[in-house]
Amino acid sequence: MSSTTQMFAHAARTLTRAARQRSLIGPTFRCPPRLSGVDRSVRRRPGGAVIAVRLRGRPWAAVLGDMIEGVIVVNDLSPPQATRLRTELWEVLGPAATGDETTQSQVA
C-alpha cells in the first residue's frame, strides 16, 4: 500500500473486524481528531465509538499504537485482558505494522 490514507483505512478495517470477532465493540476510526493538540481522541456513542487519530508528522507505529489503545479504551479492558488483546491486535496487523514493504519513519 502506498498512501497513508490507504494504510490507515486498511488498519482501521482490520482492527474493527478483529474486535468484533472477539465479541468486543468494533469502533470506527477517523482522522484527524477534532480536538486540536491531541494525537488521539475517543468519542462514545450509542452502540459504538469513534476513535480519531492524528497521522501527520508521526511515526506509523505510533499511529497504530494509538488505534490499538483506542480499542482497549473503548472496550474498558484492564490487565490481563488488555495485555492479551493488545498483543493479538499487533499480530493481526502483521505487515500493516510497518506501513508497507519498507518501514516508514514518519507519516507525511
PDB file of N, CA and C in Angstrom:
ATOM      1  N   MET A   1       0.843  -1.180   0.000  1.00  0.00           N
ATOM      2  CA  MET A   1       0.000   0.000   0.000  1.00  0.00           C
ATOM      3  C   MET A   1       0.880   1.233   0.000  1.00  0.00           C
ATOM      4  N   SER A   2       0.499   2.182  -0.806  1.00  0.00           N
ATOM      5  CA  SER A   2       1.378   3.316  -0.945  1.00  0.00           C
ATOM      6  C   SER A   2       0.966   4.523  -0.116  1.00  0.00           C
ATOM      7  N   SER A   3      -0.288   4.882  -0.118  1.00  0.00           N
ATOM      8  CA  SER A   3      -0.650   6.117   0.572  1.00  0.00           C
ATOM      9  C   SER A   3      -0.996   5.875   2.040  1.00  0.00           C
ATOM     10  N   THR A   4      -0.758   6.908   2.815  1.00  0.00           N
ATOM     11  CA  THR A   4      -1.064   6.859   4.240  1.00  0.00           C
ATOM     12  C   THR A   4      -2.552   6.621   4.466  1.00  0.00           C
ATOM     13  N   THR A   5      -3.368   7.239   3.637  1.00  0.00           N
ATOM     14  CA  THR A   5      -4.818   7.073   3.762  1.00  0.00           C
ATOM     15  C   THR A   5      -5.223   5.622   3.548  1.00  0.00           C
ATOM     16  N   GLN A   6      -4.643   4.987   2.553  1.00  0.00           N
ATOM     17  CA  GLN A   6      -4.944   3.578   2.294  1.00  0.00           C
ATOM     18  C   GLN A   6      -4.467   2.704   3.451  1.00  0.00           C
ATOM     19  N   MET A   7      -3.291   2.985   3.976  1.00  0.00           N
ATOM     20  CA  MET A   7      -2.764   2.192   5.095  1.00  0.00           C
ATOM     21  C   MET A   7      -3.648   2.370   6.327  1.00  0.00           C
ATOM     22  N   PHE A   8      -4.085   3.616   6.588  1.00  0.00           N
ATOM     23  CA  PHE A   8      -4.949   3.892   7.724  1.00  0.00           C
ATOM     24  C   PHE A   8      -6.280   3.153   7.572  1.00  0.00           C
ATOM     25  N   ALA A   9      -6.864   3.217   6.394  1.00  0.00           N
ATOM     26  CA  ALA A   9      -8.142   2.543   6.151  1.00  0.00           C
ATOM     27  C   ALA A   9      -8.016   1.036   6.328  1.00  0.00           C
ATOM     28  N   HIS A  10      -6.927   0.473   5.825  1.00  0.00           N
ATOM     29  CA  HIS A  10      -6.702  -0.971   5.965  1.00  0.00           C
ATOM     30  C   HIS A  10      -6.553  -1.356   7.438  1.00  0.00           C
ATOM     31  N   ALA A  11      -5.757  -0.591   8.182  1.00  0.00           N
ATOM     32  CA  ALA A  11      -5.566  -0.875   9.609  1.00  0.00           C
ATOM     33  C   ALA A  11      -6.881  -0.732  10.360  1.00  0.00           C
ATOM     34  N   ALA A  12      -7.670   0.291  10.032  1.00  0.00           N
ATOM     35  CA  ALA A  12      -8.956   0.508  10.700  1.00  0.00           C
ATOM     36  C   ALA A  12      -9.901  -0.669  10.467  1.00  0.00           C
ATOM     37  N   ARG A  13     -10.007  -1.115   9.212  1.00  0.00           N
ATOM     38  CA  ARG A  13     -10.875  -2.272   8.914  1.00  0.00           C
ATOM     39  C   ARG A  13     -10.391  -3.516   9.647  1.00  0.00           C
ATOM     40  N   THR A  14      -9.089  -3.719   9.653  1.00  0.00           N
ATOM     41  CA  THR A  14      -8.510  -4.899  10.301  1.00  0.00           C
ATOM     42  C   THR A  14      -8.786  -4.892  11.794  1.00  0.00           C
ATOM     43  N   LEU A  15      -8.575  -3.751  12.457  1.00  0.00           N
ATOM     44  CA  LEU A  15      -8.781  -3.673  13.911  1.00  0.00           C
ATOM     45  C   LEU A  15     -10.255  -3.786  14.280  1.00  0.00           C
ATOM     46  N   THR A  16     -11.119  -3.153  13.511  1.00  0.00           N
ATOM     47  CA  THR A  16     -12.561  -3.235  13.787  1.00  0.00           C
ATOM     48  C   THR A  16     -13.051  -4.666  13.640  1.00  0.00           C
ATOM     49  N   ARG A  17     -12.637  -5.320  12.565  1.00  0.00           N
ATOM     50  CA  ARG A  17     -13.025  -6.715  12.334  1.00  0.00           C
ATOM     51  C   ARG A  17     -12.507  -7.614  13.462  1.00  0.00           C
ATOM     52  N   ALA A  18     -11.263  -7.433  13.863  1.00  0.00           N
ATOM     53  CA  ALA A  18     -10.669  -8.255  14.924  1.00  0.00           C
ATOM     54  C   ALA A  18     -11.405  -8.052  16.248  1.00  0.00           C
ATOM     55  N   ALA A  19     -11.778  -6.817  16.552  1.00  0.00           N
ATOM     56  CA  ALA A  19     -12.518  -6.548  17.792  1.00  0.00           C
ATOM     57  C   ALA A  19     -13.876  -7.247  17.757  1.00  0.00           C
ATOM     58  N   ARG A  20     -14.571  -7.119  16.660  1.00  0.00           N
ATOM     59  CA  ARG A  20     -15.902  -7.737  16.542  1.00  0.00           C
ATOM     60  C   ARG A  20     -15.827  -9.259  16.596  1.00  0.00           C
ATOM     61  N   GLN A  21     -14.785  -9.840  16.017  1.00  0.00           N
ATOM     62  CA  GLN A  21     -14.618 -11.295  16.068  1.00  0.00           C
ATOM     63  C   GLN A  21     -14.430 -11.779  17.504  1.00  0.00           C
ATOM     64  N   ARG A  22     -13.981 -10.896  18.370  1.00  0.00           N
ATOM     65  CA  ARG A  22     -13.769 -11.230  19.779  1.00  0.00           C
ATOM     66  C   ARG A  22     -14.942 -10.777  20.653  1.00  0.00           C
ATOM     67  N   SER A  23     -16.065 -10.468  20.021  1.00  0.00           N
ATOM     68  CA  SER A  23     -17.281 -10.007  20.703  1.00  0.00           C
ATOM     69  C   SER A  23     -17.055  -8.727  21.494  1.00  0.00           C
ATOM     70  N   LEU A  24     -16.224  -7.855  20.954  1.00  0.00           N
ATOM     71  CA  LEU A  24     -15.951  -6.559  21.557  1.00  0.00           C
ATOM     72  C   LEU A  24     -16.547  -5.478  20.670  1.00  0.00           C
ATOM     73  N   ILE A  25     -16.571  -4.251  21.191  1.00  0.00           N
ATOM     74  CA  ILE A  25     -17.017  -3.124  20.384  1.00  0.00           C
ATOM     75  C   ILE A  25     -15.978  -2.894  19.297  1.00  0.00           C
ATOM     76  N   GLY A  26     -16.413  -2.920  18.074  1.00  0.00           N
ATOM     77  CA  GLY A  26     -15.548  -2.623  16.936  1.00  0.00           C
ATOM     78  C   GLY A  26     -15.734  -1.163  16.574  1.00  0.00           C
ATOM     79  N   PRO A  27     -14.834  -0.294  17.031  1.00  0.00           N
ATOM     80  CA  PRO A  27     -15.011   1.142  16.810  1.00  0.00           C
ATOM     81  C   PRO A  27     -14.811   1.529  15.349  1.00  0.00           C
ATOM     82  N   THR A  28     -15.270   2.725  15.030  1.00  0.00           N
ATOM     83  CA  THR A  28     -14.928   3.310  13.744  1.00  0.00           C
ATOM     84  C   THR A  28     -13.748   4.244  13.977  1.00  0.00           C
ATOM     85  N   PHE A  29     -13.005   4.506  12.916  1.00  0.00           N
ATOM     86  CA  PHE A  29     -11.811   5.344  13.018  1.00  0.00           C
ATOM     87  C   PHE A  29     -11.922   6.509  12.046  1.00  0.00           C
ATOM     88  N   ARG A  30     -11.323   7.617  12.423  1.00  0.00           N
ATOM     89  CA  ARG A  30     -11.247   8.782  11.549  1.00  0.00           C
ATOM     90  C   ARG A  30      -9.959   9.531  11.848  1.00  0.00           C
ATOM     91  N   CYS A  31      -9.647  10.475  10.985  1.00  0.00           N
ATOM     92  CA  CYS A  31      -8.506  11.341  11.230  1.00  0.00           C
ATOM     93  C   CYS A  31      -8.780  12.688  10.572  1.00  0.00           C
ATOM     94  N   PRO A  32      -8.273  13.727  11.136  1.00  0.00           N
ATOM     95  CA  PRO A  32      -7.605  13.866  12.427  1.00  0.00           C
ATOM     96  C   PRO A  32      -8.642  14.050  13.543  1.00  0.00           C
ATOM     97  N   PRO A  33      -8.186  14.078  14.795  1.00  0.00           N
ATOM     98  CA  PRO A  33      -9.121  14.362  15.896  1.00  0.00           C
ATOM     99  C   PRO A  33      -9.676  15.786  15.770  1.00  0.00           C
ATOM    100  N   ARG A  34     -10.884  15.982  16.222  1.00  0.00           N
ATOM    101  CA  ARG A  34     -11.481  17.325  16.199  1.00  0.00           C
ATOM    102  C   ARG A  34     -10.827  18.248  17.216  1.00  0.00           C
ATOM    103  N   LEU A  35     -10.324  17.682  18.294  1.00  0.00           N
ATOM    104  CA  LEU A  35      -9.653  18.478  19.325  1.00  0.00           C
ATOM    105  C   LEU A  35      -8.251  18.836  18.850  1.00  0.00           C
ATOM    106  N   SER A  36      -7.902  20.080  18.935  1.00  0.00           N
ATOM    107  CA  SER A  36      -6.556  20.459  18.499  1.00  0.00           C
ATOM    108  C   SER A  36      -5.544  20.099  19.587  1.00  0.00           C
ATOM    109  N   GLY A  37      -4.364  19.713  19.135  1.00  0.00           N
ATOM    110  CA  GLY A  37      -3.277  19.429  20.064  1.00  0.00           C
ATOM    111  C   GLY A  37      -3.271  18.036  20.659  1.00  0.00           C
ATOM    112  N   VAL A  38      -4.155  17.148  20.202  1.00  0.00           N
ATOM    113  CA  VAL A  38      -4.151  15.779  20.722  1.00  0.00           C
ATOM    114  C   VAL A  38      -3.826  14.800  19.597  1.00  0.00           C
ATOM    115  N   ASP A  39      -3.214  13.693  19.961  1.00  0.00           N
ATOM    116  CA  ASP A  39      -2.890  12.657  18.983  1.00  0.00           C
ATOM    117  C   ASP A  39      -4.031  11.667  18.797  1.00  0.00           C
ATOM    118  N   ARG A  40      -4.827  11.468  19.858  1.00  0.00           N
ATOM    119  CA  ARG A  40      -5.939  10.518  19.783  1.00  0.00           C
ATOM    120  C   ARG A  40      -7.087  11.021  20.637  1.00  0.00           C
ATOM    121  N   SER A  41      -8.302  10.848  20.139  1.00  0.00           N
ATOM    122  CA  SER A  41      -9.482  11.143  20.948  1.00  0.00           C
ATOM    123  C   SER A  41     -10.481  10.007  20.772  1.00  0.00           C
ATOM    124  N   VAL A  42     -11.321   9.826  21.768  1.00  0.00           N
ATOM    125  CA  VAL A  42     -12.344   8.781  21.734  1.00  0.00           C
ATOM    126  C   VAL A  42     -13.683   9.445  22.001  1.00  0.00           C
ATOM    127  N   ARG A  43     -14.633   9.175  21.139  1.00  0.00           N
ATOM    128  CA  ARG A  43     -15.990   9.673  21.301  1.00  0.00           C
ATOM    129  C   ARG A  43     -16.915   8.477  21.364  1.00  0.00           C
ATOM    130  N   ARG A  44     -17.593   8.332  22.490  1.00  0.00           N
ATOM    131  CA  ARG A  44     -18.533   7.224  22.640  1.00  0.00           C
ATOM    132  C   ARG A  44     -19.889   7.651  22.098  1.00  0.00           C
ATOM    133  N   ARG A  45     -20.575   6.686  21.521  1.00  0.00           N
ATOM    134  CA  ARG A  45     -21.918   6.922  21.013  1.00  0.00           C
ATOM    135  C   ARG A  45     -22.728   5.664  21.257  1.00  0.00           C
ATOM    136  N   PRO A  46     -24.045   5.751  21.192  1.00  0.00           N
ATOM    137  CA  PRO A  46     -24.853   4.549  21.425  1.00  0.00           C
ATOM    138  C   PRO A  46     -24.456   3.425  20.467  1.00  0.00           C
ATOM    139  N   GLY A  47     -24.110   2.289  21.024  1.00  0.00           N
ATOM    140  CA  GLY A  47     -23.760   1.132  20.222  1.00  0.00           C
ATOM    141  C   GLY A  47     -22.357   1.126  19.645  1.00  0.00           C
ATOM    142  N   GLY A  48     -21.520   2.057  20.039  1.00  0.00           N
ATOM    143  CA  GLY A  48     -20.168   2.063  19.487  1.00  0.00           C
ATOM    144  C   GLY A  48     -19.346   3.244  19.928  1.00  0.00           C
ATOM    145  N   ALA A  49     -18.308   3.522  19.159  1.00  0.00           N
ATOM    146  CA  ALA A  49     -17.415   4.627  19.477  1.00  0.00           C
ATOM    147  C   ALA A  49     -16.640   5.013  18.226  1.00  0.00           C
ATOM    148  N   VAL A  50     -16.110   6.236  18.253  1.00  0.00           N
ATOM    149  CA  VAL A  50     -15.268   6.737  17.174  1.00  0.00           C
ATOM    150  C   VAL A  50     -13.912   7.083  17.768  1.00  0.00           C
ATOM    151  N   ILE A  51     -12.878   6.531  17.181  1.00  0.00           N
ATOM    152  CA  ILE A  51     -11.512   6.833  17.598  1.00  0.00           C
ATOM    153  C   ILE A  51     -10.898   7.689  16.498  1.00  0.00           C
ATOM    154  N   ALA A  52     -10.463   8.879  16.865  1.00  0.00           N
ATOM    155  CA  ALA A  52      -9.824   9.778  15.903  1.00  0.00           C
ATOM    156  C   ALA A  52      -8.335   9.844  16.222  1.00  0.00           C
ATOM    157  N   VAL A  53      -7.523   9.727  15.179  1.00  0.00           N
ATOM    158  CA  VAL A  53      -6.068   9.663  15.349  1.00  0.00           C
ATOM    159  C   VAL A  53      -5.396  10.672  14.413  1.00  0.00           C
ATOM    160  N   ARG A  54      -4.409  11.387  14.937  1.00  0.00           N
ATOM    161  CA  ARG A  54      -3.622  12.302  14.114  1.00  0.00           C
ATOM    162  C   ARG A  54      -2.557  11.515  13.374  1.00  0.00           C
ATOM    163  N   LEU A  55      -2.464  11.709  12.057  1.00  0.00           N
ATOM    164  CA  LEU A  55      -1.493  10.996  11.235  1.00  0.00           C
ATOM    165  C   LEU A  55      -0.250  11.828  10.941  1.00  0.00           C
ATOM    166  N   ARG A  56      -0.439  13.077  10.616  1.00  0.00           N
ATOM    167  CA  ARG A  56       0.659  13.922  10.135  1.00  0.00           C
ATOM    168  C   ARG A  56       1.809  14.066  11.122  1.00  0.00           C
ATOM    169  N   GLY A  57       3.020  13.863  10.569  1.00  0.00           N
ATOM    170  CA  GLY A  57       4.225  14.094  11.355  1.00  0.00           C
ATOM    171  C   GLY A  57       4.480  13.101  12.466  1.00  0.00           C
ATOM    172  N   ARG A  58       3.864  11.930  12.373  1.00  0.00           N
ATOM    173  CA  ARG A  58       4.027  10.925  13.427  1.00  0.00           C
ATOM    174  C   ARG A  58       4.548   9.630  12.837  1.00  0.00           C
ATOM    175  N   PRO A  59       5.340   8.895  13.608  1.00  0.00           N
ATOM    176  CA  PRO A  59       5.761   7.563  13.150  1.00  0.00           C
ATOM    177  C   PRO A  59       4.532   6.670  12.976  1.00  0.00           C
ATOM    178  N   TRP A  60       4.553   5.840  11.944  1.00  0.00           N
ATOM    179  CA  TRP A  60       3.430   4.943  11.664  1.00  0.00           C
ATOM    180  C   TRP A  60       3.140   4.027  12.846  1.00  0.00           C
ATOM    181  N   ALA A  61       4.164   3.554  13.523  1.00  0.00           N
ATOM    182  CA  ALA A  61       3.957   2.676  14.688  1.00  0.00           C
ATOM    183  C   ALA A  61       3.192   3.411  15.794  1.00  0.00           C
ATOM    184  N   ALA A  62       3.426   4.711  15.950  1.00  0.00           N
ATOM    185  CA  ALA A  62       2.702   5.492  16.964  1.00  0.00           C
ATOM    186  C   ALA A  62       1.225   5.614  16.586  1.00  0.00           C
ATOM    187  N   VAL A  63       0.942   5.794  15.304  1.00  0.00           N
ATOM    188  CA  VAL A  63      -0.441   5.866  14.828  1.00  0.00           C
ATOM    189  C   VAL A  63      -1.147   4.549  15.127  1.00  0.00           C
ATOM    190  N   LEU A  64      -0.513   3.427  14.761  1.00  0.00           N
ATOM    191  CA  LEU A  64      -1.114   2.113  15.023  1.00  0.00           C
ATOM    192  C   LEU A  64      -1.276   1.871  16.515  1.00  0.00           C
ATOM    193  N   GLY A  65      -0.288   2.270  17.296  1.00  0.00           N
ATOM    194  CA  GLY A  65      -0.384   2.112  18.747  1.00  0.00           C
ATOM    195  C   GLY A  65      -1.587   2.860  19.306  1.00  0.00           C
ATOM    196  N   ASP A  66      -1.826   4.081  18.811  1.00  0.00           N
ATOM    197  CA  ASP A  66      -2.997   4.842  19.256  1.00  0.00           C
ATOM    198  C   ASP A  66      -4.302   4.179  18.829  1.00  0.00           C
ATOM    199  N   MET A  67      -4.315   3.591  17.650  1.00  0.00           N
ATOM    200  CA  MET A  67      -5.513   2.895  17.196  1.00  0.00           C
ATOM    201  C   MET A  67      -5.805   1.692  18.090  1.00  0.00           C
ATOM    202  N   ILE A  68      -4.773   0.929  18.404  1.00  0.00           N
ATOM    203  CA  ILE A  68      -4.924  -0.245  19.269  1.00  0.00           C
ATOM    204  C   ILE A  68      -5.346   0.167  20.674  1.00  0.00           C
ATOM    205  N   GLU A  69      -4.694   1.197  21.216  1.00  0.00           N
ATOM    206  CA  GLU A  69      -5.066   1.657  22.563  1.00  0.00           C
ATOM    207  C   GLU A  69      -6.491   2.175  22.589  1.00  0.00           C
ATOM    208  N   GLY A  70      -6.938   2.755  21.481  1.00  0.00           N
ATOM    209  CA  GLY A  70      -8.326   3.194  21.394  1.00  0.00           C
ATOM    210  C   GLY A  70      -9.293   2.035  21.536  1.00  0.00           C
ATOM    211  N   VAL A  71      -8.977   0.910  20.909  1.00  0.00           N
ATOM    212  CA  VAL A  71      -9.831  -0.285  21.030  1.00  0.00           C
ATOM    213  C   VAL A  71      -9.863  -0.753  22.489  1.00  0.00           C
ATOM    214  N   ILE A  72      -8.723  -0.712  23.147  1.00  0.00           N
ATOM    215  CA  ILE A  72      -8.646  -1.108  24.572  1.00  0.00           C
ATOM    216  C   ILE A  72      -9.532  -0.191  25.422  1.00  0.00           C
ATOM    217  N   VAL A  73      -9.413   1.125  25.208  1.00  0.00           N
ATOM    218  CA  VAL A  73     -10.167   2.107  25.986  1.00  0.00           C
ATOM    219  C   VAL A  73     -11.669   1.973  25.740  1.00  0.00           C
ATOM    220  N   VAL A  74     -12.068   1.877  24.484  1.00  0.00           N
ATOM    221  CA  VAL A  74     -13.484   1.773  24.134  1.00  0.00           C
ATOM    222  C   VAL A  74     -14.133   0.560  24.794  1.00  0.00           C
ATOM    223  N   ASN A  75     -13.376  -0.511  24.900  1.00  0.00           N
ATOM    224  CA  ASN A  75     -13.914  -1.735  25.492  1.00  0.00           C
ATOM    225  C   ASN A  75     -13.674  -1.820  26.992  1.00  0.00           C
ATOM    226  N   ASP A  76     -13.099  -0.756  27.569  1.00  0.00           N
ATOM    227  CA  ASP A  76     -12.896  -0.659  29.023  1.00  0.00           C
ATOM    228  C   ASP A  76     -12.198  -1.895  29.582  1.00  0.00           C
ATOM    229  N   LEU A  77     -11.120  -2.314  28.913  1.00  0.00           N
ATOM    230  CA  LEU A  77     -10.386  -3.507  29.333  1.00  0.00           C
ATOM    231  C   LEU A  77      -9.257  -3.149  30.292  1.00  0.00           C
ATOM    232  N   SER A  78      -9.005  -4.035  31.209  1.00  0.00           N
ATOM    233  CA  SER A  78      -7.880  -3.864  32.131  1.00  0.00           C
ATOM    234  C   SER A  78      -7.047  -5.136  32.082  1.00  0.00           C
ATOM    235  N   PRO A  79      -5.829  -5.085  32.624  1.00  0.00           N
ATOM    236  CA  PRO A  79      -4.977  -6.287  32.592  1.00  0.00           C
ATOM    237  C   PRO A  79      -5.676  -7.436  33.294  1.00  0.00           C
ATOM    238  N   PRO A  80      -5.506  -8.637  32.863  1.00  0.00           N
ATOM    239  CA  PRO A  80      -4.666  -9.130  31.780  1.00  0.00           C
ATOM    240  C   PRO A  80      -5.365  -9.128  30.413  1.00  0.00           C
ATOM    241  N   GLN A  81      -6.702  -8.837  30.375  1.00  0.00           N
ATOM    242  CA  GLN A  81      -7.410  -8.853  29.099  1.00  0.00           C
ATOM    243  C   GLN A  81      -6.838  -7.815  28.134  1.00  0.00           C
ATOM    244  N   ALA A  82      -6.524  -6.630  28.638  1.00  0.00           N
ATOM    245  CA  ALA A  82      -5.976  -5.572  27.792  1.00  0.00           C
ATOM    246  C   ALA A  82      -4.637  -5.980  27.199  1.00  0.00           C
ATOM    247  N   THR A  83      -3.809  -6.581  27.986  1.00  0.00           N
ATOM    248  CA  THR A  83      -2.487  -7.014  27.516  1.00  0.00           C
ATOM    249  C   THR A  83      -2.623  -8.079  26.437  1.00  0.00           C
ATOM    250  N   ARG A  84      -3.521  -9.020  26.666  1.00  0.00           N
ATOM    251  CA  ARG A  84      -3.751 -10.088  25.695  1.00  0.00           C
ATOM    252  C   ARG A  84      -4.268  -9.521  24.374  1.00  0.00           C
ATOM    253  N   LEU A  85      -5.274  -8.645  24.463  1.00  0.00           N
ATOM    254  CA  LEU A  85      -5.849  -8.072  23.253  1.00  0.00           C
ATOM    255  C   LEU A  85      -4.819  -7.214  22.510  1.00  0.00           C
ATOM    256  N   ARG A  86      -4.068  -6.430  23.229  1.00  0.00           N
ATOM    257  CA  ARG A  86      -3.036  -5.586  22.615  1.00  0.00           C
ATOM    258  C   ARG A  86      -2.083  -6.445  21.778  1.00  0.00           C
ATOM    259  N   THR A  87      -1.622  -7.530  22.351  1.00  0.00           N
ATOM    260  CA  THR A  87      -0.712  -8.435  21.639  1.00  0.00           C
ATOM    261  C   THR A  87      -1.391  -9.039  20.425  1.00  0.00           C
ATOM    262  N   GLU A  88      -2.627  -9.490  20.581  1.00  0.00           N
ATOM    263  CA  GLU A  88      -3.361 -10.090  19.464  1.00  0.00           C
ATOM    264  C   GLU A  88      -3.575  -9.093  18.329  1.00  0.00           C
ATOM    265  N   LEU A  89      -3.890  -7.848  18.663  1.00  0.00           N
ATOM    266  CA  LEU A  89      -4.134  -6.854  17.622  1.00  0.00           C
ATOM    267  C   LEU A  89      -2.857  -6.507  16.857  1.00  0.00           C
ATOM    268  N   TRP A  90      -1.726  -6.420  17.561  1.00  0.00           N
ATOM    269  CA  TRP A  90      -0.450  -6.197  16.854  1.00  0.00           C
ATOM    270  C   TRP A  90      -0.179  -7.357  15.896  1.00  0.00           C
ATOM    271  N   GLU A  91      -0.470  -8.574  16.346  1.00  0.00           N
ATOM    272  CA  GLU A  91      -0.241  -9.742  15.490  1.00  0.00           C
ATOM    273  C   GLU A  91      -1.177  -9.739  14.281  1.00  0.00           C
ATOM    274  N   VAL A  92      -2.434  -9.336  14.489  1.00  0.00           N
ATOM    275  CA  VAL A  92      -3.405  -9.289  13.407  1.00  0.00           C
ATOM    276  C   VAL A  92      -2.979  -8.267  12.350  1.00  0.00           C
ATOM    277  N   LEU A  93      -2.407  -7.158  12.776  1.00  0.00           N
ATOM    278  CA  LEU A  93      -1.976  -6.137  11.821  1.00  0.00           C
ATOM    279  C   LEU A  93      -0.838  -6.626  10.936  1.00  0.00           C
ATOM    280  N   GLY A  94       0.010  -7.480  11.473  1.00  0.00           N
ATOM    281  CA  GLY A  94       1.096  -8.059  10.692  1.00  0.00           C
ATOM    282  C   GLY A  94       1.851  -7.043   9.873  1.00  0.00           C
ATOM    283  N   PRO A  95       1.872  -7.184   8.538  1.00  0.00           N
ATOM    284  CA  PRO A  95       2.629  -6.277   7.677  1.00  0.00           C
ATOM    285  C   PRO A  95       2.177  -4.816   7.771  1.00  0.00           C
ATOM    286  N   ALA A  96       0.929  -4.572   8.133  1.00  0.00           N
ATOM    287  CA  ALA A  96       0.457  -3.190   8.265  1.00  0.00           C
ATOM    288  C   ALA A  96       1.203  -2.443   9.354  1.00  0.00           C
ATOM    289  N   ALA A  97       1.791  -3.189  10.296  1.00  0.00           N
ATOM    290  CA  ALA A  97       2.504  -2.551  11.399  1.00  0.00           C
ATOM    291  C   ALA A  97       3.744  -1.808  10.919  1.00  0.00           C
ATOM    292  N   THR A  98       4.265  -2.154   9.748  1.00  0.00           N
ATOM    293  CA  THR A  98       5.426  -1.437   9.220  1.00  0.00           C
ATOM    294  C   THR A  98       5.030  -0.451   8.130  1.00  0.00           C
ATOM    295  N   GLY A  99       3.781  -0.412   7.754  1.00  0.00           N
ATOM    296  CA  GLY A  99       3.319   0.533   6.753  1.00  0.00           C
ATOM    297  C   GLY A  99       3.286  -0.049   5.361  1.00  0.00           C
ATOM    298  N   ASP A 100       4.365  -0.647   4.924  1.00  0.00           N
ATOM    299  CA  ASP A 100       4.444  -1.353   3.649  1.00  0.00           C
ATOM    300  C   ASP A 100       5.719  -2.171   3.660  1.00  0.00           C
ATOM    301  N   GLU A 101       6.259  -2.454   2.518  1.00  0.00           N
ATOM    302  CA  GLU A 101       7.461  -3.291   2.466  1.00  0.00           C
ATOM    303  C   GLU A 101       8.642  -2.637   3.163  1.00  0.00           C
ATOM    304  N   THR A 102       8.690  -1.320   3.128  1.00  0.00           N
ATOM    305  CA  THR A 102       9.771  -0.599   3.796  1.00  0.00           C
ATOM    306  C   THR A 102       9.176   0.186   4.934  1.00  0.00           C
ATOM    307  N   THR A 103       9.832   0.198   6.067  1.00  0.00           N
ATOM    308  CA  THR A 103       9.323   0.890   7.233  1.00  0.00           C
ATOM    309  C   THR A 103       9.358   2.384   7.028  1.00  0.00           C
ATOM    310  N   GLN A 104       8.216   3.035   7.321  1.00  0.00           N
ATOM    311  CA  GLN A 104       8.160   4.481   7.251  1.00  0.00           C
ATOM    312  C   GLN A 104       8.650   5.046   8.554  1.00  0.00           C
ATOM    313  N   SER A 105       9.460   6.083   8.499  1.00  0.00           N
ATOM    314  CA  SER A 105       9.911   6.687   9.739  1.00  0.00           C
ATOM    315  C   SER A 105       8.856   7.660  10.248  1.00  0.00           C
ATOM    316  N   GLN A 106       8.234   8.423   9.359  1.00  0.00           N
ATOM    317  CA  GLN A 106       7.169   9.329   9.756  1.00  0.00           C
ATOM    318  C   GLN A 106       6.167   9.452   8.642  1.00  0.00           C
ATOM    319  N   VAL A 107       4.927   9.638   9.032  1.00  0.00           N
ATOM    320  CA  VAL A 107       3.866   9.835   8.059  1.00  0.00           C
ATOM    321  C   VAL A 107       3.923  11.296   7.605  1.00  0.00           C
ATOM    322  N   ALA A 108       3.837  11.515   6.316  1.00  0.00           N
ATOM    323  CA  ALA A 108       3.936  12.880   5.753  1.00  0.00           C
ATOM    324  C   ALA A 108       2.780  13.739   6.173  1.00  0.00           C
TER     325      ALA A 108
END
